[in-house]
Amino acid sequence: GIMLATSLMYLLSYLCYFFAVLKYGATKKT
């Protein structure tokens, strides 16, 4: 369960950074 919790944490991290990069890049282009 401790390991699964770590995996869920990195899933959240990836989603946050991915959408942040997309949003930040779009803002810069605009």
PDB file of all heavy atoms in Angstrom:
ATOM      1  N   GLY A   1       0.813  -1.217   0.000  1.00  0.00           N
ATOM      2  CA  GLY A   1       0.000   0.000   0.000  1.00  0.00           C
ATOM      3  C   GLY A   1       0.839   1.257   0.000  1.00  0.00           C
ATOM      4  O   GLY A   1       0.471   2.263  -0.616  1.00  0.00           O
ATOM      5  N   ILE A   2       1.991   1.214   0.680  1.00  0.00           N
ATOM      6  CA  ILE A   2       2.901   2.371   0.681  1.00  0.00           C
ATOM      7  C   ILE A   2       3.419   2.622  -0.727  1.00  0.00           C
ATOM      8  O   ILE A   2       3.506   3.769  -1.190  1.00  0.00           O
ATOM      9  CB  ILE A   2       4.057   2.127   1.664  1.00  0.00           C
ATOM     10  CG1 ILE A   2       3.518   1.993   3.097  1.00  0.00           C
ATOM     11  CG2 ILE A   2       5.092   3.247   1.575  1.00  0.00           C
ATOM     12  CD1 ILE A   2       4.572   1.619   4.116  1.00  0.00           C
ATOM     13  N   MET A   3       3.782   1.561  -1.431  1.00  0.00           N
ATOM     14  CA  MET A   3       4.253   1.698  -2.811  1.00  0.00           C
ATOM     15  C   MET A   3       3.150   2.196  -3.743  1.00  0.00           C
ATOM     16  O   MET A   3       3.389   3.033  -4.623  1.00  0.00           O
ATOM     17  CB  MET A   3       4.795   0.361  -3.302  1.00  0.00           C
ATOM     18  CG  MET A   3       6.195   0.046  -2.837  1.00  0.00           C
ATOM     19  SD  MET A   3       7.409   1.223  -3.486  1.00  0.00           S
ATOM     20  CE  MET A   3       8.918   0.285  -3.255  1.00  0.00           C
ATOM     21  N   LEU A   4       1.939   1.684  -3.588  1.00  0.00           N
ATOM     22  CA  LEU A   4       0.827   2.135  -4.423  1.00  0.00           C
ATOM     23  C   LEU A   4       0.551   3.612  -4.194  1.00  0.00           C
ATOM     24  O   LEU A   4       0.258   4.352  -5.148  1.00  0.00           O
ATOM     25  CB  LEU A   4      -0.422   1.305  -4.122  1.00  0.00           C
ATOM     26  CG  LEU A   4      -1.695   1.693  -4.895  1.00  0.00           C
ATOM     27  CD1 LEU A   4      -1.467   1.636  -6.401  1.00  0.00           C
ATOM     28  CD2 LEU A   4      -2.867   0.805  -4.486  1.00  0.00           C
ATOM     29  N   ALA A   5       0.656   4.064  -2.947  1.00  0.00           N
ATOM     30  CA  ALA A   5       0.462   5.485  -2.653  1.00  0.00           C
ATOM     31  C   ALA A   5       1.489   6.341  -3.393  1.00  0.00           C
ATOM     32  O   ALA A   5       1.167   7.425  -3.897  1.00  0.00           O
ATOM     33  CB  ALA A   5       0.564   5.719  -1.148  1.00  0.00           C
ATOM     34  N   THR A   6       2.724   5.861  -3.476  1.00  0.00           N
ATOM     35  CA  THR A   6       3.759   6.588  -4.222  1.00  0.00           C
ATOM     36  C   THR A   6       3.425   6.655  -5.706  1.00  0.00           C
ATOM     37  O   THR A   6       3.606   7.690  -6.359  1.00  0.00           O
ATOM     38  CB  THR A   6       5.128   5.910  -4.030  1.00  0.00           C
ATOM     39  OG1 THR A   6       5.441   5.859  -2.636  1.00  0.00           O
ATOM     40  CG2 THR A   6       6.222   6.667  -4.765  1.00  0.00           C
ATOM     41  N   SER A   7       2.917   5.563  -6.253  1.00  0.00           N
ATOM     42  CA  SER A   7       2.542   5.542  -7.672  1.00  0.00           C
ATOM     43  C   SER A   7       1.422   6.535  -7.956  1.00  0.00           C
ATOM     44  O   SER A   7       1.450   7.254  -8.974  1.00  0.00           O
ATOM     45  CB  SER A   7       2.113   4.124  -8.075  1.00  0.00           C
ATOM     46  OG  SER A   7       3.165   3.200  -7.870  1.00  0.00           O
ATOM     47  N   LEU A   8       0.434   6.614  -7.079  1.00  0.00           N
ATOM     48  CA  LEU A   8      -0.655   7.579  -7.253  1.00  0.00           C
ATOM     49  C   LEU A   8      -0.138   9.014  -7.148  1.00  0.00           C
ATOM     50  O   LEU A   8      -0.601   9.909  -7.860  1.00  0.00           O
ATOM     51  CB  LEU A   8      -1.737   7.328  -6.202  1.00  0.00           C
ATOM     52  CG  LEU A   8      -2.499   6.002  -6.332  1.00  0.00           C
ATOM     53  CD1 LEU A   8      -3.440   5.804  -5.148  1.00  0.00           C
ATOM     54  CD2 LEU A   8      -3.279   5.952  -7.645  1.00  0.00           C
ATOM     55  N   MET A   9       0.831   9.230  -6.281  1.00  0.00           N
ATOM     56  CA  MET A   9       1.424  10.558  -6.149  1.00  0.00           C
ATOM     57  C   MET A   9       2.095  10.997  -7.447  1.00  0.00           C
ATOM     58  O   MET A   9       1.934  12.143  -7.895  1.00  0.00           O
ATOM     59  CB  MET A   9       2.437  10.551  -5.006  1.00  0.00           C
ATOM     60  CG  MET A   9       3.159  11.873  -4.809  1.00  0.00           C
ATOM     61  SD  MET A   9       4.548  11.765  -3.651  1.00  0.00           S
ATOM     62  CE  MET A   9       5.728  10.833  -4.645  1.00  0.00           C
ATOM     63  N   TYR A  10       2.859  10.079  -8.073  1.00  0.00           N
ATOM     64  CA  TYR A  10       3.534  10.451  -9.320  1.00  0.00           C
ATOM     65  C   TYR A  10       2.558  10.604 -10.481  1.00  0.00           C
ATOM     66  O   TYR A  10       2.811  11.375 -11.415  1.00  0.00           O
ATOM     67  CB  TYR A  10       4.623   9.431  -9.654  1.00  0.00           C
ATOM     68  CG  TYR A  10       5.883   9.658  -8.872  1.00  0.00           C
ATOM     69  CD1 TYR A  10       6.342   8.719  -7.946  1.00  0.00           C
ATOM     70  CD2 TYR A  10       6.617  10.827  -9.038  1.00  0.00           C
ATOM     71  CE1 TYR A  10       7.492   8.937  -7.217  1.00  0.00           C
ATOM     72  CE2 TYR A  10       7.766  11.057  -8.315  1.00  0.00           C
ATOM     73  CZ  TYR A  10       8.201  10.117  -7.403  1.00  0.00           C
ATOM     74  OH  TYR A  10       9.347  10.357  -6.680  1.00  0.00           O
ATOM     75  N   LEU A  11       1.441   9.897 -10.451  1.00  0.00           N
ATOM     76  CA  LEU A  11       0.397  10.121 -11.454  1.00  0.00           C
ATOM     77  C   LEU A  11      -0.125  11.544 -11.361  1.00  0.00           C
ATOM     78  O   LEU A  11      -0.258  12.245 -12.376  1.00  0.00           O
ATOM     79  CB  LEU A  11      -0.740   9.113 -11.251  1.00  0.00           C
ATOM     80  CG  LEU A  11      -2.012   9.360 -12.081  1.00  0.00           C
ATOM     81  CD1 LEU A  11      -1.709   9.335 -13.575  1.00  0.00           C
ATOM     82  CD2 LEU A  11      -3.088   8.342 -11.716  1.00  0.00           C
ATOM     83  N   LEU A  12      -0.434  11.991 -10.138  1.00  0.00           N
ATOM     84  CA  LEU A  12      -0.894  13.368  -9.947  1.00  0.00           C
ATOM     85  C   LEU A  12       0.171  14.361 -10.394  1.00  0.00           C
ATOM     86  O   LEU A  12      -0.134  15.367 -11.059  1.00  0.00           O
ATOM     87  CB  LEU A  12      -1.248  13.594  -8.482  1.00  0.00           C
ATOM     88  CG  LEU A  12      -1.642  15.036  -8.107  1.00  0.00           C
ATOM     89  CD1 LEU A  12      -2.927  15.441  -8.829  1.00  0.00           C
ATOM     90  CD2 LEU A  12      -1.808  15.181  -6.597  1.00  0.00           C
ATOM     91  N   SER A  13       1.432  14.093 -10.050  1.00  0.00           N
ATOM     92  CA  SER A  13       2.524  14.992 -10.420  1.00  0.00           C
ATOM     93  C   SER A  13       2.630  15.138 -11.932  1.00  0.00           C
ATOM     94  O   SER A  13       2.756  16.256 -12.459  1.00  0.00           O
ATOM     95  CB  SER A  13       3.839  14.461  -9.854  1.00  0.00           C
ATOM     96  OG  SER A  13       4.915  15.306 -10.198  1.00  0.00           O
ATOM     97  N   TYR A  14       2.561  14.009 -12.633  1.00  0.00           N
ATOM     98  CA  TYR A  14       2.671  14.059 -14.095  1.00  0.00           C
ATOM     99  C   TYR A  14       1.533  14.874 -14.704  1.00  0.00           C
ATOM    100  O   TYR A  14       1.758  15.718 -15.581  1.00  0.00           O
ATOM    101  CB  TYR A  14       2.668  12.652 -14.679  1.00  0.00           C
ATOM    102  CG  TYR A  14       2.704  12.648 -16.190  1.00  0.00           C
ATOM    103  CD1 TYR A  14       3.895  12.888 -16.868  1.00  0.00           C
ATOM    104  CD2 TYR A  14       1.550  12.450 -16.933  1.00  0.00           C
ATOM    105  CE1 TYR A  14       3.939  12.917 -18.253  1.00  0.00           C
ATOM    106  CE2 TYR A  14       1.580  12.477 -18.320  1.00  0.00           C
ATOM    107  CZ  TYR A  14       2.779  12.714 -18.973  1.00  0.00           C
ATOM    108  OH  TYR A  14       2.804  12.760 -20.344  1.00  0.00           O
ATOM    109  N   LEU A  15       0.304  14.630 -14.258  1.00  0.00           N
ATOM    110  CA  LEU A  15      -0.846  15.361 -14.801  1.00  0.00           C
ATOM    111  C   LEU A  15      -0.716  16.866 -14.548  1.00  0.00           C
ATOM    112  O   LEU A  15      -0.989  17.680 -15.435  1.00  0.00           O
ATOM    113  CB  LEU A  15      -2.142  14.830 -14.185  1.00  0.00           C
ATOM    114  CG  LEU A  15      -2.525  13.390 -14.566  1.00  0.00           C
ATOM    115  CD1 LEU A  15      -3.762  12.949 -13.783  1.00  0.00           C
ATOM    116  CD2 LEU A  15      -2.773  13.267 -16.071  1.00  0.00           C
ATOM    117  N   CYS A  16      -0.287  17.238 -13.353  1.00  0.00           N
ATOM    118  CA  CYS A  16      -0.142  18.657 -13.019  1.00  0.00           C
ATOM    119  C   CYS A  16       0.909  19.325 -13.900  1.00  0.00           C
ATOM    120  O   CYS A  16       0.677  20.412 -14.466  1.00  0.00           O
ATOM    121  CB  CYS A  16       0.225  18.820 -11.550  1.00  0.00           C
ATOM    122  SG  CYS A  16      -1.107  18.438 -10.388  1.00  0.00           S
ATOM    123  N   TYR A  17       2.059  18.703 -14.039  1.00  0.00           N
ATOM    124  CA  TYR A  17       3.131  19.311 -14.835  1.00  0.00           C
ATOM    125  C   TYR A  17       2.789  19.335 -16.319  1.00  0.00           C
ATOM    126  O   TYR A  17       3.095  20.310 -17.025  1.00  0.00           O
ATOM    127  CB  TYR A  17       4.447  18.562 -14.609  1.00  0.00           C
ATOM    128  CG  TYR A  17       5.214  19.059 -13.416  1.00  0.00           C
ATOM    129  CD1 TYR A  17       5.204  18.358 -12.218  1.00  0.00           C
ATOM    130  CD2 TYR A  17       5.938  20.242 -13.482  1.00  0.00           C
ATOM    131  CE1 TYR A  17       5.900  18.823 -11.115  1.00  0.00           C
ATOM    132  CE2 TYR A  17       6.641  20.715 -12.384  1.00  0.00           C
ATOM    133  CZ  TYR A  17       6.612  20.004 -11.205  1.00  0.00           C
ATOM    134  OH  TYR A  17       7.295  20.475 -10.117  1.00  0.00           O
ATOM    135  N   PHE A  18       2.140  18.285 -16.805  1.00  0.00           N
ATOM    136  CA  PHE A  18       1.797  18.232 -18.224  1.00  0.00           C
ATOM    137  C   PHE A  18       0.842  19.373 -18.591  1.00  0.00           C
ATOM    138  O   PHE A  18       1.081  20.106 -19.567  1.00  0.00           O
ATOM    139  CB  PHE A  18       1.163  16.883 -18.552  1.00  0.00           C
ATOM    140  CG  PHE A  18       0.752  16.737 -19.993  1.00  0.00           C
ATOM    141  CD1 PHE A  18       1.704  16.534 -20.978  1.00  0.00           C
ATOM    142  CD2 PHE A  18      -0.578  16.807 -20.362  1.00  0.00           C
ATOM    143  CE1 PHE A  18       1.332  16.404 -22.312  1.00  0.00           C
ATOM    144  CE2 PHE A  18      -0.959  16.681 -21.685  1.00  0.00           C
ATOM    145  CZ  PHE A  18      -0.002  16.472 -22.664  1.00  0.00           C
ATOM    146  N   PHE A  19      -0.210  19.540 -17.808  1.00  0.00           N
ATOM    147  CA  PHE A  19      -1.167  20.604 -18.121  1.00  0.00           C
ATOM    148  C   PHE A  19      -0.587  21.989 -17.850  1.00  0.00           C
ATOM    149  O   PHE A  19      -0.936  22.953 -18.533  1.00  0.00           O
ATOM    150  CB  PHE A  19      -2.461  20.397 -17.332  1.00  0.00           C
ATOM    151  CG  PHE A  19      -3.295  19.251 -17.850  1.00  0.00           C
ATOM    152  CD1 PHE A  19      -3.482  18.107 -17.098  1.00  0.00           C
ATOM    153  CD2 PHE A  19      -3.877  19.315 -19.111  1.00  0.00           C
ATOM    154  CE1 PHE A  19      -4.230  17.042 -17.584  1.00  0.00           C
ATOM    155  CE2 PHE A  19      -4.630  18.260 -19.604  1.00  0.00           C
ATOM    156  CZ  PHE A  19      -4.809  17.121 -18.846  1.00  0.00           C
ATOM    157  N   ALA A  20       0.329  22.093 -16.875  1.00  0.00           N
ATOM    158  CA  ALA A  20       0.980  23.373 -16.624  1.00  0.00           C
ATOM    159  C   ALA A  20       1.869  23.782 -17.801  1.00  0.00           C
ATOM    160  O   ALA A  20       1.879  24.951 -18.212  1.00  0.00           O
ATOM    161  CB  ALA A  20       1.816  23.291 -15.344  1.00  0.00           C
ATOM    162  N   VAL A  21       2.593  22.813 -18.360  1.00  0.00           N
ATOM    163  CA  VAL A  21       3.441  23.113 -19.517  1.00  0.00           C
ATOM    164  C   VAL A  21       2.593  23.522 -20.713  1.00  0.00           C
ATOM    165  O   VAL A  21       2.915  24.476 -21.427  1.00  0.00           O
ATOM    166  CB  VAL A  21       4.326  21.901 -19.870  1.00  0.00           C
ATOM    167  CG1 VAL A  21       5.003  22.092 -21.223  1.00  0.00           C
ATOM    168  CG2 VAL A  21       5.377  21.681 -18.789  1.00  0.00           C
ATOM    169  N   LEU A  22       1.487  22.819 -20.951  1.00  0.00           N
ATOM    170  CA  LEU A  22       0.605  23.173 -22.060  1.00  0.00           C
ATOM    171  C   LEU A  22       0.016  24.565 -21.878  1.00  0.00           C
ATOM    172  O   LEU A  22      -0.003  25.378 -22.805  1.00  0.00           O
ATOM    173  CB  LEU A  22      -0.516  22.144 -22.183  1.00  0.00           C
ATOM    174  CG  LEU A  22      -0.133  20.745 -22.674  1.00  0.00           C
ATOM    175  CD1 LEU A  22      -1.381  19.873 -22.785  1.00  0.00           C
ATOM    176  CD2 LEU A  22       0.585  20.803 -24.018  1.00  0.00           C
ATOM    177  N   LYS A  23      -0.471  24.850 -20.678  1.00  0.00           N
ATOM    178  CA  LYS A  23      -1.098  26.146 -20.421  1.00  0.00           C
ATOM    179  C   LYS A  23      -0.086  27.268 -20.502  1.00  0.00           C
ATOM    180  O   LYS A  23      -0.342  28.322 -21.099  1.00  0.00           O
ATOM    181  CB  LYS A  23      -1.760  26.136 -19.047  1.00  0.00           C
ATOM    182  CG  LYS A  23      -2.467  27.455 -18.710  1.00  0.00           C
ATOM    183  CD  LYS A  23      -3.140  27.388 -17.348  1.00  0.00           C
ATOM    184  CE  LYS A  23      -3.821  28.716 -17.029  1.00  0.00           C
ATOM    185  NZ  LYS A  23      -4.496  28.689 -15.707  1.00  0.00           N
ATOM    186  N   TYR A  24       1.093  27.076 -19.910  1.00  0.00           N
ATOM    187  CA  TYR A  24       2.108  28.119 -19.921  1.00  0.00           C
ATOM    188  C   TYR A  24       2.591  28.402 -21.332  1.00  0.00           C
ATOM    189  O   TYR A  24       2.781  29.538 -21.741  1.00  0.00           O
ATOM    190  CB  TYR A  24       3.282  27.720 -19.036  1.00  0.00           C
ATOM    191  CG  TYR A  24       4.372  28.758 -18.966  1.00  0.00           C
ATOM    192  CD1 TYR A  24       4.121  30.012 -18.427  1.00  0.00           C
ATOM    193  CD2 TYR A  24       5.646  28.489 -19.445  1.00  0.00           C
ATOM    194  CE1 TYR A  24       5.113  30.974 -18.360  1.00  0.00           C
ATOM    195  CE2 TYR A  24       6.651  29.446 -19.382  1.00  0.00           C
ATOM    196  CZ  TYR A  24       6.374  30.677 -18.830  1.00  0.00           C
ATOM    197  OH  TYR A  24       7.361  31.628 -18.773  1.00  0.00           O
ATOM    198  N   GLY A  25       2.766  27.324 -22.134  1.00  0.00           N
ATOM    199  CA  GLY A  25       3.201  27.504 -23.513  1.00  0.00           C
ATOM    200  C   GLY A  25       2.161  28.243 -24.339  1.00  0.00           C
ATOM    201  O   GLY A  25       2.489  29.111 -25.152  1.00  0.00           O
ATOM    202  N   ALA A  26       0.877  27.898 -24.121  1.00  0.00           N
ATOM    203  CA  ALA A  26      -0.192  28.575 -24.854  1.00  0.00           C
ATOM    204  C   ALA A  26      -0.253  30.045 -24.486  1.00  0.00           C
ATOM    205  O   ALA A  26      -0.462  30.911 -25.326  1.00  0.00           O
ATOM    206  CB  ALA A  26      -1.526  27.894 -24.558  1.00  0.00           C
ATOM    207  N   THR A  27      -0.036  30.361 -23.205  1.00  0.00           N
ATOM    208  CA  THR A  27      -0.084  31.743 -22.758  1.00  0.00           C
ATOM    209  C   THR A  27       1.028  32.544 -23.402  1.00  0.00           C
ATOM    210  O   THR A  27       0.840  33.669 -23.851  1.00  0.00           O
ATOM    211  CB  THR A  27       0.050  31.796 -21.225  1.00  0.00           C
ATOM    212  OG1 THR A  27      -1.003  31.035 -20.656  1.00  0.00           O
ATOM    213  CG2 THR A  27      -0.027  33.241 -20.715  1.00  0.00           C
ATOM    214  N   LYS A  28       2.210  31.938 -23.474  1.00  0.00           N
ATOM    215  CA  LYS A  28       3.348  32.653 -24.063  1.00  0.00           C
ATOM    216  C   LYS A  28       3.129  32.941 -25.541  1.00  0.00           C
ATOM    217  O   LYS A  28       3.437  34.005 -26.039  1.00  0.00           O
ATOM    218  CB  LYS A  28       4.617  31.820 -23.890  1.00  0.00           C
ATOM    219  CG  LYS A  28       5.093  31.662 -22.462  1.00  0.00           C
ATOM    220  CD  LYS A  28       5.588  32.954 -21.899  1.00  0.00           C
ATOM    221  CE  LYS A  28       6.943  33.325 -22.460  1.00  0.00           C
ATOM    222  NZ  LYS A  28       7.491  34.541 -21.845  1.00  0.00           N
ATOM    223  N   LYS A  29       2.519  31.950 -26.253  1.00  0.00           N
ATOM    224  CA  LYS A  29       2.268  32.144 -27.673  1.00  0.00           C
ATOM    225  C   LYS A  29       1.264  33.268 -27.882  1.00  0.00           C
ATOM    226  O   LYS A  29       1.392  34.119 -28.765  1.00  0.00           O
ATOM    227  CB  LYS A  29       1.769  30.858 -28.301  1.00  0.00           C
ATOM    228  CG  LYS A  29       2.853  29.809 -28.476  1.00  0.00           C
ATOM    229  CD  LYS A  29       2.305  28.570 -29.171  1.00  0.00           C
ATOM    230  CE  LYS A  29       3.406  27.538 -29.381  1.00  0.00           C
ATOM    231  NZ  LYS A  29       2.900  26.336 -30.047  1.00  0.00           N
ATOM    232  N   THR A  30       0.198  33.304 -27.047  1.00  0.00           N
ATOM    233  CA  THR A  30      -0.834  34.319 -27.191  1.00  0.00           C
ATOM    234  C   THR A  30      -0.280  35.704 -26.922  1.00  0.00           C
ATOM    235  O   THR A  30      -0.541  36.664 -27.649  1.00  0.00           O
ATOM    236  CB  THR A  30      -1.993  34.032 -26.212  1.00  0.00           C
ATOM    237  OG1 THR A  30      -2.492  32.721 -26.489  1.00  0.00           O
ATOM    238  CG2 THR A  30      -3.091  35.045 -26.372  1.00  0.00           C
TER     239      THR A  30
END
